[in-house]
PDB file of N, CA and C in Angstrom:
ATOM      1  N   UNK A   1     157.270 124.576 134.148  1.00  0.00           N
ATOM      2  CA  UNK A   1     157.192 123.422 133.294  1.00  0.00           C
ATOM      3  C   UNK A   1     156.516 122.260 134.044  1.00  0.00           C
ATOM      4  N   UNK A   2     156.760 122.144 135.314  1.00  0.00           N
ATOM      5  CA  UNK A   2     156.153 121.085 136.104  1.00  0.00           C
ATOM      6  C   UNK A   2     154.645 121.282 136.187  1.00  0.00           C
ATOM      7  N   UNK A   3     154.220 122.530 136.297  1.00  0.00           N
ATOM      8  CA  UNK A   3     152.785 122.820 136.358  1.00  0.00           C
ATOM      9  C   UNK A   3     152.115 122.431 135.039  1.00  0.00           C
ATOM     10  N   UNK A   4     152.762 122.733 133.917  1.00  0.00           N
ATOM     11  CA  UNK A   4     152.223 122.386 132.605  1.00  0.00           C
ATOM     12  C   UNK A   4     152.129 120.868 132.455  1.00  0.00           C
ATOM     13  N   UNK A   5     153.148 120.168 132.883  1.00  0.00           N
ATOM     14  CA  UNK A   5     153.132 118.704 132.805  1.00  0.00           C
ATOM     15  C   UNK A   5     152.031 118.136 133.703  1.00  0.00           C
ATOM     16  N   UNK A   6     151.847 118.718 134.881  1.00  0.00           N
ATOM     17  CA  UNK A   6     150.794 118.264 135.777  1.00  0.00           C
ATOM     18  C   UNK A   6     149.421 118.497 135.164  1.00  0.00           C
ATOM     19  N   UNK A   7     149.205 119.668 134.566  1.00  0.00           N
ATOM     20  CA  UNK A   7     147.930 119.979 133.931  1.00  0.00           C
ATOM     21  C   UNK A   7     147.669 119.058 132.733  1.00  0.00           C
ATOM     22  N   UNK A   8     148.677 118.801 131.956  1.00  0.00           N
ATOM     23  CA  UNK A   8     148.519 117.909 130.799  1.00  0.00           C
ATOM     24  C   UNK A   8     148.211 116.493 131.254  1.00  0.00           C
ATOM     25  N   UNK A   9     148.882 116.049 132.303  1.00  0.00           N
ATOM     26  CA  UNK A   9     148.629 114.707 132.831  1.00  0.00           C
ATOM     27  C   UNK A   9     147.218 114.620 133.392  1.00  0.00           C
ATOM     28  N   UNK A  10     146.801 115.639 134.098  1.00  0.00           N
ATOM     29  CA  UNK A  10     145.440 115.663 134.645  1.00  0.00           C
ATOM     30  C   UNK A  10     144.392 115.681 133.538  1.00  0.00           C
ATOM     31  N   UNK A  11     144.637 116.466 132.489  1.00  0.00           N
ATOM     32  CA  UNK A  11     143.694 116.529 131.371  1.00  0.00           C
ATOM     33  C   UNK A  11     143.623 115.187 130.655  1.00  0.00           C
ATOM     34  N   UNK A  12     144.755 114.547 130.450  1.00  0.00           N
ATOM     35  CA  UNK A  12     144.777 113.257 129.788  1.00  0.00           C
ATOM     36  C   UNK A  12     144.056 112.206 130.628  1.00  0.00           C
ATOM     37  N   UNK A  13     144.253 112.234 131.927  1.00  0.00           N
ATOM     38  CA  UNK A  13     143.564 111.296 132.814  1.00  0.00           C
ATOM     39  C   UNK A  13     142.058 111.545 132.794  1.00  0.00           C
ATOM     40  N   UNK A  14     141.672 112.813 132.821  1.00  0.00           N
ATOM     41  CA  UNK A  14     140.244 113.147 132.779  1.00  0.00           C
ATOM     42  C   UNK A  14     139.609 112.676 131.481  1.00  0.00           C
ATOM     43  N   UNK A  15     140.262 112.912 130.359  1.00  0.00           N
ATOM     44  CA  UNK A  15     139.739 112.474 129.061  1.00  0.00           C
ATOM     45  C   UNK A  15     139.636 110.950 129.022  1.00  0.00           C
ATOM     46  N   UNK A  16     140.629 110.268 129.546  1.00  0.00           N
ATOM     47  CA  UNK A  16     140.605 108.803 129.539  1.00  0.00           C
ATOM     48  C   UNK A  16     139.455 108.273 130.393  1.00  0.00           C
ATOM     49  N   UNK A  17     139.224 108.863 131.571  1.00  0.00           N
ATOM     50  CA  UNK A  17     138.145 108.409 132.453  1.00  0.00           C
ATOM     51  C   UNK A  17     136.783 108.684 131.807  1.00  0.00           C
ATOM     52  N   UNK A  18     136.613 109.861 131.234  1.00  0.00           N
ATOM     53  CA  UNK A  18     135.343 110.200 130.586  1.00  0.00           C
ATOM     54  C   UNK A  18     135.094 109.275 129.399  1.00  0.00           C
ATOM     55  N   UNK A  19     136.113 109.043 128.589  1.00  0.00           N
ATOM     56  CA  UNK A  19     135.958 108.156 127.439  1.00  0.00           C
ATOM     57  C   UNK A  19     135.641 106.740 127.890  1.00  0.00           C
ATOM     58  N   UNK A  20     136.298 106.285 128.940  1.00  0.00           N
ATOM     59  CA  UNK A  20     136.068 104.926 129.436  1.00  0.00           C
ATOM     60  C   UNK A  20     134.645 104.756 129.957  1.00  0.00           C
ATOM     61  N   UNK A  21     134.101 105.784 130.582  1.00  0.00           N
ATOM     62  CA  UNK A  21     132.742 105.677 131.108  1.00  0.00           C
ATOM     63  C   UNK A  21     131.688 105.885 130.020  1.00  0.00           C
ATOM     64  N   UNK A  22     132.008 106.594 128.949  1.00  0.00           N
ATOM     65  CA  UNK A  22     131.040 106.863 127.887  1.00  0.00           C
ATOM     66  C   UNK A  22     131.049 105.800 126.783  1.00  0.00           C
ATOM     67  N   UNK A  23     132.092 105.009 126.666  1.00  0.00           N
ATOM     68  CA  UNK A  23     132.183 104.029 125.580  1.00  0.00           C
ATOM     69  C   UNK A  23     131.023 103.034 125.604  1.00  0.00           C
ATOM     70  N   UNK A  24     130.622 102.457 126.737  1.00  0.00           N
ATOM     71  CA  UNK A  24     129.472 101.534 126.693  1.00  0.00           C
ATOM     72  C   UNK A  24     128.191 102.202 126.192  1.00  0.00           C
ATOM     73  N   UNK A  25     127.956 103.440 126.617  1.00  0.00           N
ATOM     74  CA  UNK A  25     126.768 104.153 126.163  1.00  0.00           C
ATOM     75  C   UNK A  25     126.845 104.427 124.660  1.00  0.00           C
ATOM     76  N   UNK A  26     127.987 104.853 124.173  1.00  0.00           N
ATOM     77  CA  UNK A  26     128.149 105.120 122.750  1.00  0.00           C
ATOM     78  C   UNK A  26     128.026 103.840 121.933  1.00  0.00           C
ATOM     79  N   UNK A  27     128.573 102.757 122.444  1.00  0.00           N
ATOM     80  CA  UNK A  27     128.487 101.473 121.749  1.00  0.00           C
ATOM     81  C   UNK A  27     127.045 101.002 121.675  1.00  0.00           C
ATOM     82  N   UNK A  28     126.307 101.136 122.772  1.00  0.00           N
ATOM     83  CA  UNK A  28     124.900 100.736 122.786  1.00  0.00           C
ATOM     84  C   UNK A  28     124.096 101.575 121.803  1.00  0.00           C
ATOM     85  N   UNK A  29     124.323 102.867 121.788  1.00  0.00           N
ATOM     86  CA  UNK A  29     123.602 103.744 120.865  1.00  0.00           C
ATOM     87  C   UNK A  29     123.935 103.382 119.412  1.00  0.00           C
ATOM     88  N   UNK A  30     125.198 103.139 119.122  1.00  0.00           N
ATOM     89  CA  UNK A  30     125.608 102.764 117.767  1.00  0.00           C
ATOM     90  C   UNK A  30     124.978 101.437 117.357  1.00  0.00           C
ATOM     91  N   UNK A  31     124.987 100.456 118.259  1.00  0.00           N
ATOM     92  CA  UNK A  31     124.401  99.152 117.948  1.00  0.00           C
ATOM     93  C   UNK A  31     122.893  99.261 117.723  1.00  0.00           C
ATOM     94  N   UNK A  32     122.221 100.109 118.487  1.00  0.00           N
ATOM     95  CA  UNK A  32     120.785 100.322 118.287  1.00  0.00           C
ATOM     96  C   UNK A  32     120.511 100.916 116.907  1.00  0.00           C
ATOM     97  N   UNK A  33     121.338 101.879 116.497  1.00  0.00           N
ATOM     98  CA  UNK A  33     121.172 102.484 115.182  1.00  0.00           C
ATOM     99  C   UNK A  33     121.419 101.465 114.074  1.00  0.00           C
ATOM    100  N   UNK A  34     122.452 100.658 114.229  1.00  0.00           N
ATOM    101  CA  UNK A  34     122.751  99.641 113.226  1.00  0.00           C
ATOM    102  C   UNK A  34     121.639  98.607 113.165  1.00  0.00           C
ATOM    103  N   UNK A  35     121.143  98.189 114.319  1.00  0.00           N
ATOM    104  CA  UNK A  35     120.074  97.197 114.366  1.00  0.00           C
ATOM    105  C   UNK A  35     118.805  97.738 113.710  1.00  0.00           C
ATOM    106  N   UNK A  36     118.468  98.996 113.978  1.00  0.00           N
ATOM    107  CA  UNK A  36     117.295  99.602 113.364  1.00  0.00           C
ATOM    108  C   UNK A  36     117.446  99.674 111.852  1.00  0.00           C
ATOM    109  N   UNK A  37     118.629 100.041 111.389  1.00  0.00           N
ATOM    110  CA  UNK A  37     118.861 100.127 109.944  1.00  0.00           C
ATOM    111  C   UNK A  37     118.788  98.750 109.289  1.00  0.00           C
ATOM    112  N   UNK A  38     119.364  97.748 109.933  1.00  0.00           N
ATOM    113  CA  UNK A  38     119.328  96.388 109.381  1.00  0.00           C
ATOM    114  C   UNK A  38     117.895  95.871 109.345  1.00  0.00           C
ATOM    115  N   UNK A  39     117.129  96.129 110.395  1.00  0.00           N
ATOM    116  CA  UNK A  39     115.730  95.687 110.421  1.00  0.00           C
ATOM    117  C   UNK A  39     114.920  96.349 109.317  1.00  0.00           C
ATOM    118  N   UNK A  40     115.159  97.637 109.075  1.00  0.00           N
ATOM    119  CA  UNK A  40     114.420  98.307 108.008  1.00  0.00           C
ATOM    120  C   UNK A  40     114.812  97.765 106.641  1.00  0.00           C
ATOM    121  N   UNK A  41     116.088  97.471 106.442  1.00  0.00           N
ATOM    122  CA  UNK A  41     116.535  96.895 105.166  1.00  0.00           C
ATOM    123  C   UNK A  41     115.937  95.505 104.954  1.00  0.00           C
ATOM    124  N   UNK A  42     115.899  94.693 106.003  1.00  0.00           N
ATOM    125  CA  UNK A  42     115.323  93.350 105.890  1.00  0.00           C
ATOM    126  C   UNK A  42     113.832  93.442 105.612  1.00  0.00           C
ATOM    127  N   UNK A  43     113.137  94.361 106.293  1.00  0.00           N
ATOM    128  CA  UNK A  43     111.703  94.534 106.062  1.00  0.00           C
ATOM    129  C   UNK A  43     111.426  94.955 104.629  1.00  0.00           C
ATOM    130  N   UNK A  44     112.242  95.871 104.103  1.00  0.00           N
ATOM    131  CA  UNK A  44     112.073  96.303 102.721  1.00  0.00           C
ATOM    132  C   UNK A  44     112.333  95.154 101.756  1.00  0.00           C
ATOM    133  N   UNK A  45     113.345  94.360 102.033  1.00  0.00           N
ATOM    134  CA  UNK A  45     113.673  93.242 101.152  1.00  0.00           C
ATOM    135  C   UNK A  45     112.560  92.196 101.168  1.00  0.00           C
ATOM    136  N   UNK A  46     112.019  91.920 102.343  1.00  0.00           N
ATOM    137  CA  UNK A  46     110.945  90.939 102.444  1.00  0.00           C
ATOM    138  C   UNK A  46     109.687  91.469 101.765  1.00  0.00           C
ATOM    139  N   UNK A  47     109.385  92.743 101.995  1.00  0.00           N
ATOM    140  CA  UNK A  47     108.192  93.329 101.382  1.00  0.00           C
ATOM    141  C   UNK A  47     108.322  93.349  99.862  1.00  0.00           C
ATOM    142  N   UNK A  48     109.523  93.550  99.349  1.00  0.00           N
ATOM    143  CA  UNK A  48     109.727  93.566  97.906  1.00  0.00           C
ATOM    144  C   UNK A  48     109.682  92.183  97.298  1.00  0.00           C
ATOM    145  N   UNK A  49     110.102  91.169  98.032  1.00  0.00           N
ATOM    146  CA  UNK A  49     110.177  89.822  97.484  1.00  0.00           C
ATOM    147  C   UNK A  49     108.943  88.990  97.786  1.00  0.00           C
ATOM    148  N   UNK A  50     108.201  89.340  98.813  1.00  0.00           N
ATOM    149  CA  UNK A  50     107.093  88.502  99.249  1.00  0.00           C
ATOM    150  C   UNK A  50     105.918  88.474  98.278  1.00  0.00           C
ATOM    151  N   UNK A  51     105.415  89.590  97.793  1.00  0.00           N
ATOM    152  CA  UNK A  51     104.243  89.506  96.919  1.00  0.00           C
ATOM    153  C   UNK A  51     104.431  88.627  95.679  1.00  0.00           C
ATOM    154  N   UNK A  52     105.523  88.723  94.923  1.00  0.00           N
ATOM    155  CA  UNK A  52     105.669  87.808  93.788  1.00  0.00           C
ATOM    156  C   UNK A  52     105.776  86.349  94.237  1.00  0.00           C
ATOM    157  N   UNK A  53     106.423  86.098  95.350  1.00  0.00           N
ATOM    158  CA  UNK A  53     106.551  84.726  95.836  1.00  0.00           C
ATOM    159  C   UNK A  53     105.191  84.175  96.241  1.00  0.00           C
ATOM    160  N   UNK A  54     104.383  85.006  96.880  1.00  0.00           N
ATOM    161  CA  UNK A  54     103.056  84.563  97.294  1.00  0.00           C
ATOM    162  C   UNK A  54     102.179  84.343  96.068  1.00  0.00           C
ATOM    163  N   UNK A  55     102.271  85.222  95.114  1.00  0.00           N
ATOM    164  CA  UNK A  55     101.471  85.074  93.898  1.00  0.00           C
ATOM    165  C   UNK A  55     101.834  83.798  93.154  1.00  0.00           C
ATOM    166  N   UNK A  56     103.105  83.462  93.103  1.00  0.00           N
ATOM    167  CA  UNK A  56     103.536  82.245  92.416  1.00  0.00           C
ATOM    168  C   UNK A  56     103.117  80.995  93.187  1.00  0.00           C
ATOM    169  N   UNK A  57     103.057  81.074  94.513  1.00  0.00           N
ATOM    170  CA  UNK A  57     102.750  79.902  95.324  1.00  0.00           C
ATOM    171  C   UNK A  57     101.249  79.636  95.432  1.00  0.00           C
ATOM    172  N   UNK A  58     100.432  80.631  95.176  1.00  0.00           N
ATOM    173  CA  UNK A  58      98.983  80.465  95.316  1.00  0.00           C
ATOM    174  C   UNK A  58      98.437  79.665  94.141  1.00  0.00           C
ATOM    175  N   UNK A  59      97.621  78.651  94.408  1.00  0.00           N
ATOM    176  CA  UNK A  59      97.012  77.904  93.299  1.00  0.00           C
ATOM    177  C   UNK A  59      95.880  78.716  92.673  1.00  0.00           C
ATOM    178  N   UNK A  60      95.521  78.331  91.477  1.00  0.00           N
ATOM    179  CA  UNK A  60      94.416  78.998  90.794  1.00  0.00           C
ATOM    180  C   UNK A  60      93.113  78.665  91.514  1.00  0.00           C
ATOM    181  N   UNK A  61      92.217  79.612  91.566  1.00  0.00           N
ATOM    182  CA  UNK A  61      90.917  79.368  92.168  1.00  0.00           C
ATOM    183  C   UNK A  61      90.070  78.547  91.194  1.00  0.00           C
ATOM    184  N   UNK A  62      89.305  77.589  91.705  1.00  0.00           N
ATOM    185  CA  UNK A  62      88.476  76.785  90.810  1.00  0.00           C
ATOM    186  C   UNK A  62      87.340  77.635  90.235  1.00  0.00           C
ATOM    187  N   UNK A  63      86.960  77.302  89.008  1.00  0.00           N
ATOM    188  CA  UNK A  63      85.858  78.032  88.369  1.00  0.00           C
ATOM    189  C   UNK A  63      84.545  77.288  88.538  1.00  0.00           C
ATOM    190  N   UNK A  64      84.594  76.004  88.862  1.00  0.00           N
ATOM    191  CA  UNK A  64      83.383  75.237  89.130  1.00  0.00           C
ATOM    192  C   UNK A  64      83.646  74.284  90.285  1.00  0.00           C
ATOM    193  N   UNK A  65      82.597  73.847  90.913  1.00  0.00           N
ATOM    194  CA  UNK A  65      82.747  72.953  92.051  1.00  0.00           C
ATOM    195  C   UNK A  65      82.238  71.571  91.700  1.00  0.00           C
ATOM    196  N   UNK A  66      82.665  70.606  92.476  1.00  0.00           N
ATOM    197  CA  UNK A  66      82.231  69.234  92.256  1.00  0.00           C
ATOM    198  C   UNK A  66      81.051  68.890  93.157  1.00  0.00           C
ATOM    199  N   UNK A  67      80.697  67.612  93.221  1.00  0.00           N
ATOM    200  CA  UNK A  67      79.578  67.215  94.063  1.00  0.00           C
ATOM    201  C   UNK A  67      79.917  67.376  95.549  1.00  0.00           C
ATOM    202  N   UNK A  68      78.872  67.446  96.335  1.00  0.00           N
ATOM    203  CA  UNK A  68      79.061  67.612  97.779  1.00  0.00           C
ATOM    204  C   UNK A  68      79.699  66.361  98.369  1.00  0.00           C
ATOM    205  N   UNK A  69      80.401  66.518  99.434  1.00  0.00           N
ATOM    206  CA  UNK A  69      81.022  65.396 100.127  1.00  0.00           C
ATOM    207  C   UNK A  69      79.933  64.716 100.935  1.00  0.00           C
ATOM    208  N   UNK A  70      79.778  63.384 100.786  1.00  0.00           N
ATOM    209  CA  UNK A  70      78.719  62.705 101.557  1.00  0.00           C
ATOM    210  C   UNK A  70      79.010  62.792 103.046  1.00  0.00           C
ATOM    211  N   UNK A  71      77.957  62.927 103.814  1.00  0.00           N
ATOM    212  CA  UNK A  71      78.129  63.006 105.252  1.00  0.00           C
ATOM    213  C   UNK A  71      78.386  61.599 105.812  1.00  0.00           C
ATOM    214  N   UNK A  72      79.028  61.573 106.948  1.00  0.00           N
ATOM    215  CA  UNK A  72      79.370  60.301 107.587  1.00  0.00           C
ATOM    216  C   UNK A  72      78.174  59.857 108.441  1.00  0.00           C
ATOM    217  N   UNK A  73      77.791  58.623 108.250  1.00  0.00           N
ATOM    218  CA  UNK A  73      76.730  58.093 109.108  1.00  0.00           C
ATOM    219  C   UNK A  73      77.372  57.372 110.280  1.00  0.00           C
ATOM    220  N   UNK A  74      76.985  57.771 111.439  1.00  0.00           N
ATOM    221  CA  UNK A  74      77.530  57.181 112.654  1.00  0.00           C
ATOM    222  C   UNK A  74      76.752  55.931 113.014  1.00  0.00           C
ATOM    223  N   UNK A  75      77.408  54.917 113.552  1.00  0.00           N
ATOM    224  CA  UNK A  75      76.685  53.702 113.957  1.00  0.00           C
ATOM    225  C   UNK A  75      75.675  54.029 115.056  1.00  0.00           C
ATOM    226  N   UNK A  76      74.530  53.459 114.941  1.00  0.00           N
ATOM    227  CA  UNK A  76      73.480  53.655 115.933  1.00  0.00           C
ATOM    228  C   UNK A  76      72.723  54.940 115.748  1.00  0.00           C
ATOM    229  N   UNK A  77      72.992  55.678 114.686  1.00  0.00           N
ATOM    230  CA  UNK A  77      72.301  56.945 114.594  1.00  0.00           C
ATOM    231  C   UNK A  77      71.717  57.145 113.299  1.00  0.00           C
TER     232      UNK A  77
END
């Protein structure tokens, strides 16, 4: 029974040490996946909303032009 308890304690300690050393790596990988997903969702939302917003904000192009702007005459020239 003592041997079984020793083996169980050793296994539990080993699992705890492995989990403790792997948690930062797993957290970083998870955060990278979440960040990538959020960036793709934001890009899709911006791409979906931007064209109508740009179209509404653009003024109409003129169909005719006015007279030329007079040039500036510099003193002495």
